[in-house]
PDB file of N, CA and C in Angstrom:
ATOM      1  N   MET A   1      76.209 124.073  -7.509  1.00  0.00           N
ATOM      2  CA  MET A   1      75.461 125.250  -6.944  1.00  0.00           C
ATOM      3  C   MET A   1      74.665 125.932  -7.999  1.00  0.00           C
ATOM      4  N   GLY A   2      75.179 126.228  -9.049  1.00  0.00           N
ATOM      5  CA  GLY A   2      74.456 126.757 -10.214  1.00  0.00           C
ATOM      6  C   GLY A   2      73.896 128.098  -9.917  1.00  0.00           C
ATOM      7  N   THR A   3      73.198 128.816 -10.935  1.00  0.00           N
ATOM      8  CA  THR A   3      72.779 130.060 -10.743  1.00  0.00           C
ATOM      9  C   THR A   3      71.704 130.374  -9.678  1.00  0.00           C
ATOM     10  N   LYS A   4      70.854 129.335  -9.438  1.00  0.00           N
ATOM     11  CA  LYS A   4      69.723 129.485  -8.492  1.00  0.00           C
ATOM     12  C   LYS A   4      70.415 129.361  -6.963  1.00  0.00           C
ATOM     13  N   GLY A   5      71.444 128.510  -6.828  1.00  0.00           N
ATOM     14  CA  GLY A   5      72.037 128.447  -5.732  1.00  0.00           C
ATOM     15  C   GLY A   5      72.871 129.739  -5.407  1.00  0.00           C
ATOM     16  N   VAL A   6      73.598 130.296  -6.303  1.00  0.00           N
ATOM     17  CA  VAL A   6      74.270 131.557  -6.243  1.00  0.00           C
ATOM     18  C   VAL A   6      73.317 132.715  -5.738  1.00  0.00           C
ATOM     19  N   GLN A   7      72.217 132.723  -6.404  1.00  0.00           N
ATOM     20  CA  GLN A   7      71.216 133.791  -6.152  1.00  0.00           C
ATOM     21  C   GLN A   7      70.707 133.609  -4.641  1.00  0.00           C
ATOM     22  N   TRP A   8      70.385 132.292  -4.333  1.00  0.00           N
ATOM     23  CA  TRP A   8      69.879 132.093  -2.968  1.00  0.00           C
ATOM     24  C   TRP A   8      70.908 132.475  -1.896  1.00  0.00           C
ATOM     25  N   LEU A   9      72.168 132.193  -2.056  1.00  0.00           N
ATOM     26  CA  LEU A   9      73.210 132.663  -1.194  1.00  0.00           C
ATOM     27  C   LEU A   9      73.402 134.105  -1.071  1.00  0.00           C
ATOM     28  N   ARG A  10      73.458 134.731  -2.273  1.00  0.00           N
ATOM     29  CA  ARG A  10      73.697 136.268  -2.396  1.00  0.00           C
ATOM     30  C   ARG A  10      72.516 137.018  -1.647  1.00  0.00           C
ATOM     31  N   ASN A  11      71.458 136.276  -1.600  1.00  0.00           N
ATOM     32  CA  ASN A  11      70.198 137.120  -0.869  1.00  0.00           C
ATOM     33  C   ASN A  11      70.424 136.935   0.677  1.00  0.00           C
ATOM     34  N   ARG A  12      71.414 136.282   1.202  1.00  0.00           N
ATOM     35  CA  ARG A  12      71.687 136.013   2.610  1.00  0.00           C
ATOM     36  C   ARG A  12      72.841 136.557   3.007  1.00  0.00           C
ATOM     37  N   ILE A  13      73.664 137.352   2.188  1.00  0.00           N
ATOM     38  CA  ILE A  13      74.686 137.826   2.692  1.00  0.00           C
ATOM     39  C   ILE A  13      74.514 139.363   3.172  1.00  0.00           C
ATOM     40  N   LEU A  14      74.752 139.475   4.413  1.00  0.00           N
ATOM     41  CA  LEU A  14      74.393 140.729   5.139  1.00  0.00           C
ATOM     42  C   LEU A  14      75.551 141.845   4.788  1.00  0.00           C
ATOM     43  N   THR A  15      75.269 142.962   5.203  1.00  0.00           N
ATOM     44  CA  THR A  15      76.206 144.226   4.707  1.00  0.00           C
ATOM     45  C   THR A  15      77.426 144.040   5.330  1.00  0.00           C
ATOM     46  N   ASP A  16      77.658 143.301   6.472  1.00  0.00           N
ATOM     47  CA  ASP A  16      79.082 143.162   6.902  1.00  0.00           C
ATOM     48  C   ASP A  16      79.830 141.910   6.449  1.00  0.00           C
ATOM     49  N   GLY A  17      79.179 141.269   5.549  1.00  0.00           N
ATOM     50  CA  GLY A  17      79.805 140.053   4.911  1.00  0.00           C
ATOM     51  C   GLY A  17      79.458 138.831   5.652  1.00  0.00           C
ATOM     52  N   SER A  18      78.697 138.695   6.632  1.00  0.00           N
ATOM     53  CA  SER A  18      78.253 137.566   7.440  1.00  0.00           C
ATOM     54  C   SER A  18      77.131 136.957   6.546  1.00  0.00           C
ATOM     55  N   ILE A  19      76.878 135.767   6.853  1.00  0.00           N
ATOM     56  CA  ILE A  19      75.809 135.060   6.159  1.00  0.00           C
ATOM     57  C   ILE A  19      74.657 134.562   6.894  1.00  0.00           C
ATOM     58  N   ASP A  20      73.430 134.975   6.674  1.00  0.00           N
ATOM     59  CA  ASP A  20      72.288 134.580   7.347  1.00  0.00           C
ATOM     60  C   ASP A  20      71.883 133.224   6.955  1.00  0.00           C
ATOM     61  N   SER A  21      72.026 132.153   7.894  1.00  0.00           N
ATOM     62  CA  SER A  21      71.916 130.837   7.520  1.00  0.00           C
ATOM     63  C   SER A  21      70.509 130.283   7.759  1.00  0.00           C
ATOM     64  N   SER A  22      69.571 131.229   8.065  1.00  0.00           N
ATOM     65  CA  SER A  22      68.094 130.688   8.146  1.00  0.00           C
ATOM     66  C   SER A  22      67.579 130.359   6.826  1.00  0.00           C
ATOM     67  N   GLY A  23      66.867 129.235   6.845  1.00  0.00           N
ATOM     68  CA  GLY A  23      66.319 128.696   5.794  1.00  0.00           C
ATOM     69  C   GLY A  23      67.238 127.791   5.014  1.00  0.00           C
ATOM     70  N   ASN A  24      68.484 127.537   5.646  1.00  0.00           N
ATOM     71  CA  ASN A  24      69.539 126.598   5.152  1.00  0.00           C
ATOM     72  C   ASN A  24      69.178 125.144   5.846  1.00  0.00           C
ATOM     73  N   THR A  25      68.814 124.297   5.053  1.00  0.00           N
ATOM     74  CA  THR A  25      68.258 122.927   5.544  1.00  0.00           C
ATOM     75  C   THR A  25      69.421 121.922   5.827  1.00  0.00           C
ATOM     76  N   ARG A  26      70.735 122.364   5.695  1.00  0.00           N
ATOM     77  CA  ARG A  26      71.798 121.353   5.910  1.00  0.00           C
ATOM     78  C   ARG A  26      72.783 122.020   7.103  1.00  0.00           C
ATOM     79  N   THR A  27      73.014 123.190   7.037  1.00  0.00           N
ATOM     80  CA  THR A  27      73.911 123.766   7.967  1.00  0.00           C
ATOM     81  C   THR A  27      73.322 125.108   8.678  1.00  0.00           C
ATOM     82  N   GLY A  28      73.914 125.382   9.811  1.00  0.00           N
ATOM     83  CA  GLY A  28      73.649 126.655  10.407  1.00  0.00           C
ATOM     84  C   GLY A  28      72.550 126.554  11.503  1.00  0.00           C
ATOM     85  N   ALA A  29      71.688 125.664  11.558  1.00  0.00           N
ATOM     86  CA  ALA A  29      70.829 125.445  12.609  1.00  0.00           C
ATOM     87  C   ALA A  29      70.779 123.887  13.004  1.00  0.00           C
ATOM     88  N   SER A  30      71.875 123.372  12.919  1.00  0.00           N
ATOM     89  CA  SER A  30      72.101 122.054  13.534  1.00  0.00           C
ATOM     90  C   SER A  30      71.229 120.791  12.848  1.00  0.00           C
ATOM     91  N   GLN A  31      70.759 121.070  11.628  1.00  0.00           N
ATOM     92  CA  GLN A  31      70.047 119.891  11.106  1.00  0.00           C
ATOM     93  C   GLN A  31      70.909 118.718  10.855  1.00  0.00           C
ATOM     94  N   GLU A  32      71.972 118.776  10.329  1.00  0.00           N
ATOM     95  CA  GLU A  32      72.732 117.551   9.958  1.00  0.00           C
ATOM     96  C   GLU A  32      74.087 117.471  10.750  1.00  0.00           C
ATOM     97  N   THR A  33      74.623 116.199  10.803  1.00  0.00           N
ATOM     98  CA  THR A  33      75.826 115.924  11.541  1.00  0.00           C
ATOM     99  C   THR A  33      76.762 115.208  10.638  1.00  0.00           C
ATOM    100  N   THR A  34      78.057 115.353  10.962  1.00  0.00           N
ATOM    101  CA  THR A  34      79.094 114.698   9.912  1.00  0.00           C
ATOM    102  C   THR A  34      79.121 113.193  10.490  1.00  0.00           C
ATOM    103  N   ARG A  35      79.973 112.260   9.719  1.00  0.00           N
ATOM    104  CA  ARG A  35      79.920 111.005  10.079  1.00  0.00           C
ATOM    105  C   ARG A  35      80.312 110.786  11.609  1.00  0.00           C
ATOM    106  N   SER A  36      81.160 111.667  11.943  1.00  0.00           N
ATOM    107  CA  SER A  36      81.769 111.750  13.431  1.00  0.00           C
ATOM    108  C   SER A  36      80.760 112.090  14.467  1.00  0.00           C
ATOM    109  N   GLY A  37      79.641 112.588  14.086  1.00  0.00           N
ATOM    110  CA  GLY A  37      78.580 113.100  14.857  1.00  0.00           C
ATOM    111  C   GLY A  37      78.683 114.534  15.305  1.00  0.00           C
ATOM    112  N   LYS A  38      79.558 115.273  14.685  1.00  0.00           N
ATOM    113  CA  LYS A  38      79.710 116.637  14.806  1.00  0.00           C
ATOM    114  C   LYS A  38      78.712 117.336  14.010  1.00  0.00           C
ATOM    115  N   VAL A  39      78.032 118.427  14.712  1.00  0.00           N
ATOM    116  CA  VAL A  39      77.056 119.075  13.866  1.00  0.00           C
ATOM    117  C   VAL A  39      77.772 120.028  12.750  1.00  0.00           C
ATOM    118  N   LYS A  40      77.135 119.934  11.588  1.00  0.00           N
ATOM    119  CA  LYS A  40      77.630 120.686  10.526  1.00  0.00           C
ATOM    120  C   LYS A  40      77.649 122.202  10.614  1.00  0.00           C
ATOM    121  N   GLU A  41      78.511 122.878  10.310  1.00  0.00           N
ATOM    122  CA  GLU A  41      78.518 124.346  10.326  1.00  0.00           C
ATOM    123  C   GLU A  41      78.589 125.062   9.013  1.00  0.00           C
ATOM    124  N   LEU A  42      78.147 126.256   8.909  1.00  0.00           N
ATOM    125  CA  LEU A  42      78.512 127.037   7.773  1.00  0.00           C
ATOM    126  C   LEU A  42      79.960 127.123   7.815  1.00  0.00           C
ATOM    127  N   THR A  43      80.553 126.918   6.545  1.00  0.00           N
ATOM    128  CA  THR A  43      81.984 127.104   6.299  1.00  0.00           C
ATOM    129  C   THR A  43      82.235 128.197   5.392  1.00  0.00           C
ATOM    130  N   TYR A  44      82.749 129.338   6.049  1.00  0.00           N
ATOM    131  CA  TYR A  44      82.969 130.590   5.190  1.00  0.00           C
ATOM    132  C   TYR A  44      83.938 130.339   3.970  1.00  0.00           C
ATOM    133  N   TYR A  45      85.125 129.631   4.312  1.00  0.00           N
ATOM    134  CA  TYR A  45      86.152 129.380   3.312  1.00  0.00           C
ATOM    135  C   TYR A  45      85.446 128.701   2.181  1.00  0.00           C
ATOM    136  N   THR A  46      84.792 127.706   2.241  1.00  0.00           N
ATOM    137  CA  THR A  46      84.157 126.975   1.120  1.00  0.00           C
ATOM    138  C   THR A  46      83.043 127.785   0.314  1.00  0.00           C
ATOM    139  N   THR A  47      82.374 128.732   1.188  1.00  0.00           N
ATOM    140  CA  THR A  47      81.498 129.592   0.555  1.00  0.00           C
ATOM    141  C   THR A  47      82.119 130.703  -0.337  1.00  0.00           C
ATOM    142  N   VAL A  48      83.253 131.098   0.169  1.00  0.00           N
ATOM    143  CA  VAL A  48      83.954 132.162  -0.555  1.00  0.00           C
ATOM    144  C   VAL A  48      84.532 131.531  -1.870  1.00  0.00           C
ATOM    145  N   LYS A  49      85.125 130.349  -1.806  1.00  0.00           N
ATOM    146  CA  LYS A  49      85.588 129.445  -2.957  1.00  0.00           C
ATOM    147  C   LYS A  49      84.471 129.370  -4.028  1.00  0.00           C
ATOM    148  N   ALA A  50      83.374 128.872  -3.530  1.00  0.00           N
ATOM    149  CA  ALA A  50      82.180 128.584  -4.528  1.00  0.00           C
ATOM    150  C   ALA A  50      81.706 129.901  -5.191  1.00  0.00           C
ATOM    151  N   LEU A  51      81.515 131.001  -4.271  1.00  0.00           N
ATOM    152  CA  LEU A  51      81.216 132.212  -5.091  1.00  0.00           C
ATOM    153  C   LEU A  51      82.140 132.638  -6.035  1.00  0.00           C
ATOM    154  N   TYR A  52      83.511 132.646  -5.746  1.00  0.00           N
ATOM    155  CA  TYR A  52      84.648 133.151  -6.601  1.00  0.00           C
ATOM    156  C   TYR A  52      84.452 132.265  -7.813  1.00  0.00           C
ATOM    157  N   TYR A  53      84.337 131.000  -7.697  1.00  0.00           N
ATOM    158  CA  TYR A  53      84.268 130.037  -8.884  1.00  0.00           C
ATOM    159  C   TYR A  53      83.183 130.561  -9.729  1.00  0.00           C
ATOM    160  N   TRP A  54      81.857 130.781  -9.147  1.00  0.00           N
ATOM    161  CA  TRP A  54      80.732 130.979 -10.146  1.00  0.00           C
ATOM    162  C   TRP A  54      80.880 132.526 -10.645  1.00  0.00           C
ATOM    163  N   SER A  55      81.476 133.408  -9.896  1.00  0.00           N
ATOM    164  CA  SER A  55      81.874 134.597 -10.438  1.00  0.00           C
ATOM    165  C   SER A  55      82.676 134.667 -11.691  1.00  0.00           C
ATOM    166  N   GLN A  56      83.513 133.645 -11.834  1.00  0.00           N
ATOM    167  CA  GLN A  56      84.278 133.414 -12.927  1.00  0.00           C
ATOM    168  C   GLN A  56      83.579 132.756 -14.098  1.00  0.00           C
ATOM    169  N   VAL A  57      82.870 131.786 -13.775  1.00  0.00           N
ATOM    170  CA  VAL A  57      82.025 131.027 -14.723  1.00  0.00           C
ATOM    171  C   VAL A  57      80.965 131.858 -15.413  1.00  0.00           C
ATOM    172  N   LEU A  58      80.341 132.701 -14.598  1.00  0.00           N
ATOM    173  CA  LEU A  58      79.267 133.631 -15.037  1.00  0.00           C
ATOM    174  C   LEU A  58      79.755 135.029 -15.408  1.00  0.00           C
ATOM    175  N   ASN A  59      81.019 135.091 -15.184  1.00  0.00           N
ATOM    176  CA  ASN A  59      81.635 136.470 -15.480  1.00  0.00           C
ATOM    177  C   ASN A  59      80.898 137.586 -14.967  1.00  0.00           C
ATOM    178  N   ASP A  60      80.708 137.560 -13.699  1.00  0.00           N
ATOM    179  CA  ASP A  60      79.872 138.467 -12.775  1.00  0.00           C
ATOM    180  C   ASP A  60      80.674 138.979 -11.832  1.00  0.00           C
ATOM    181  N   PRO A  61      81.279 140.207 -11.888  1.00  0.00           N
ATOM    182  CA  PRO A  61      81.932 140.809 -11.019  1.00  0.00           C
ATOM    183  C   PRO A  61      81.153 141.251  -9.598  1.00  0.00           C
ATOM    184  N   GLU A  62      79.899 141.273  -9.554  1.00  0.00           N
ATOM    185  CA  GLU A  62      79.206 141.573  -8.396  1.00  0.00           C
ATOM    186  C   GLU A  62      79.245 140.260  -7.485  1.00  0.00           C
ATOM    187  N   ILE A  63      79.202 139.087  -8.003  1.00  0.00           N
ATOM    188  CA  ILE A  63      79.362 137.793  -7.302  1.00  0.00           C
ATOM    189  C   ILE A  63      80.786 137.746  -6.711  1.00  0.00           C
ATOM    190  N   GLU A  64      81.696 138.129  -7.563  1.00  0.00           N
ATOM    191  CA  GLU A  64      83.180 138.201  -7.021  1.00  0.00           C
ATOM    192  C   GLU A  64      83.219 139.213  -5.867  1.00  0.00           C
ATOM    193  N   SER A  65      82.505 140.425  -6.001  1.00  0.00           N
ATOM    194  CA  SER A  65      82.657 141.406  -4.956  1.00  0.00           C
ATOM    195  C   SER A  65      81.800 140.746  -3.642  1.00  0.00           C
ATOM    196  N   ASP A  66      80.962 139.999  -3.772  1.00  0.00           N
ATOM    197  CA  ASP A  66      80.301 139.441  -2.646  1.00  0.00           C
ATOM    198  C   ASP A  66      81.234 138.439  -1.976  1.00  0.00           C
ATOM    199  N   ALA A  67      82.000 137.597  -2.897  1.00  0.00           N
ATOM    200  CA  ALA A  67      83.124 136.703  -2.266  1.00  0.00           C
ATOM    201  C   ALA A  67      84.212 137.372  -1.611  1.00  0.00           C
ATOM    202  N   ILE A  68      84.391 138.512  -1.920  1.00  0.00           N
ATOM    203  CA  ILE A  68      85.501 139.359  -1.309  1.00  0.00           C
ATOM    204  C   ILE A  68      84.925 139.804   0.093  1.00  0.00           C
ATOM    205  N   LYS A  69      83.731 140.348   0.086  1.00  0.00           N
ATOM    206  CA  LYS A  69      83.081 140.781   1.284  1.00  0.00           C
ATOM    207  C   LYS A  69      83.108 139.726   2.311  1.00  0.00           C
ATOM    208  N   ILE A  70      82.759 138.507   1.971  1.00  0.00           N
ATOM    209  CA  ILE A  70      82.680 137.382   2.868  1.00  0.00           C
ATOM    210  C   ILE A  70      83.904 137.088   3.405  1.00  0.00           C
ATOM    211  N   SER A  71      84.922 137.014   2.401  1.00  0.00           N
ATOM    212  CA  SER A  71      86.358 136.694   2.705  1.00  0.00           C
ATOM    213  C   SER A  71      86.807 137.714   3.829  1.00  0.00           C
ATOM    214  N   ARG A  72      86.676 138.964   3.684  1.00  0.00           N
ATOM    215  CA  ARG A  72      87.072 139.901   4.629  1.00  0.00           C
ATOM    216  C   ARG A  72      86.369 139.655   6.031  1.00  0.00           C
ATOM    217  N   TYR A  73      85.114 139.468   6.050  1.00  0.00           N
ATOM    218  CA  TYR A  73      84.344 139.185   7.277  1.00  0.00           C
ATOM    219  C   TYR A  73      84.954 137.970   7.873  1.00  0.00           C
ATOM    220  N   ARG A  74      85.341 136.923   7.211  1.00  0.00           N
ATOM    221  CA  ARG A  74      85.845 135.589   7.641  1.00  0.00           C
ATOM    222  C   ARG A  74      87.182 136.089   8.377  1.00  0.00           C
ATOM    223  N   GLU A  75      87.919 136.792   7.592  1.00  0.00           N
ATOM    224  CA  GLU A  75      89.366 136.949   8.169  1.00  0.00           C
ATOM    225  C   GLU A  75      89.448 137.837   9.424  1.00  0.00           C
ATOM    226  N   ASN A  76      88.349 138.837   9.408  1.00  0.00           N
ATOM    227  CA  ASN A  76      88.234 139.813  10.729  1.00  0.00           C
ATOM    228  C   ASN A  76      87.630 139.058  11.791  1.00  0.00           C
ATOM    229  N   ASN A  77      87.070 137.857  11.623  1.00  0.00           N
ATOM    230  CA  ASN A  77      86.267 137.238  12.518  1.00  0.00           C
ATOM    231  C   ASN A  77      86.829 135.901  12.996  1.00  0.00           C
ATOM    232  N   ASN A  78      87.925 135.582  12.444  1.00  0.00           N
ATOM    233  CA  ASN A  78      88.706 134.241  12.510  1.00  0.00           C
ATOM    234  C   ASN A  78      87.665 133.074  12.335  1.00  0.00           C
ATOM    235  N   PHE A  79      86.959 133.051  11.152  1.00  0.00           N
ATOM    236  CA  PHE A  79      86.220 131.923  11.049  1.00  0.00           C
ATOM    237  C   PHE A  79      86.753 131.042   9.995  1.00  0.00           C
ATOM    238  N   LYS A  80      86.332 129.679   9.960  1.00  0.00           N
ATOM    239  CA  LYS A  80      86.823 128.680   9.139  1.00  0.00           C
ATOM    240  C   LYS A  80      86.748 129.221   7.624  1.00  0.00           C
TER     241      LYS A  80
END
């Protein structure tokens, strides 16, 4: 993901913790499918893990805060 990917993602986190997937060329707008033919979706769980990982690598508490915000949104809305 790297710092550019983290910044791209952080710019798409809405105030409620949801993620605006517009501009995502792989998921969120049905561009790609899995090997089984299922449309790829945005996976909040993986997104939270990635942001938390990068918050530790970059020692950035704001990124960690964003990961927590997304996690709460995910839990409150029963997302993957």
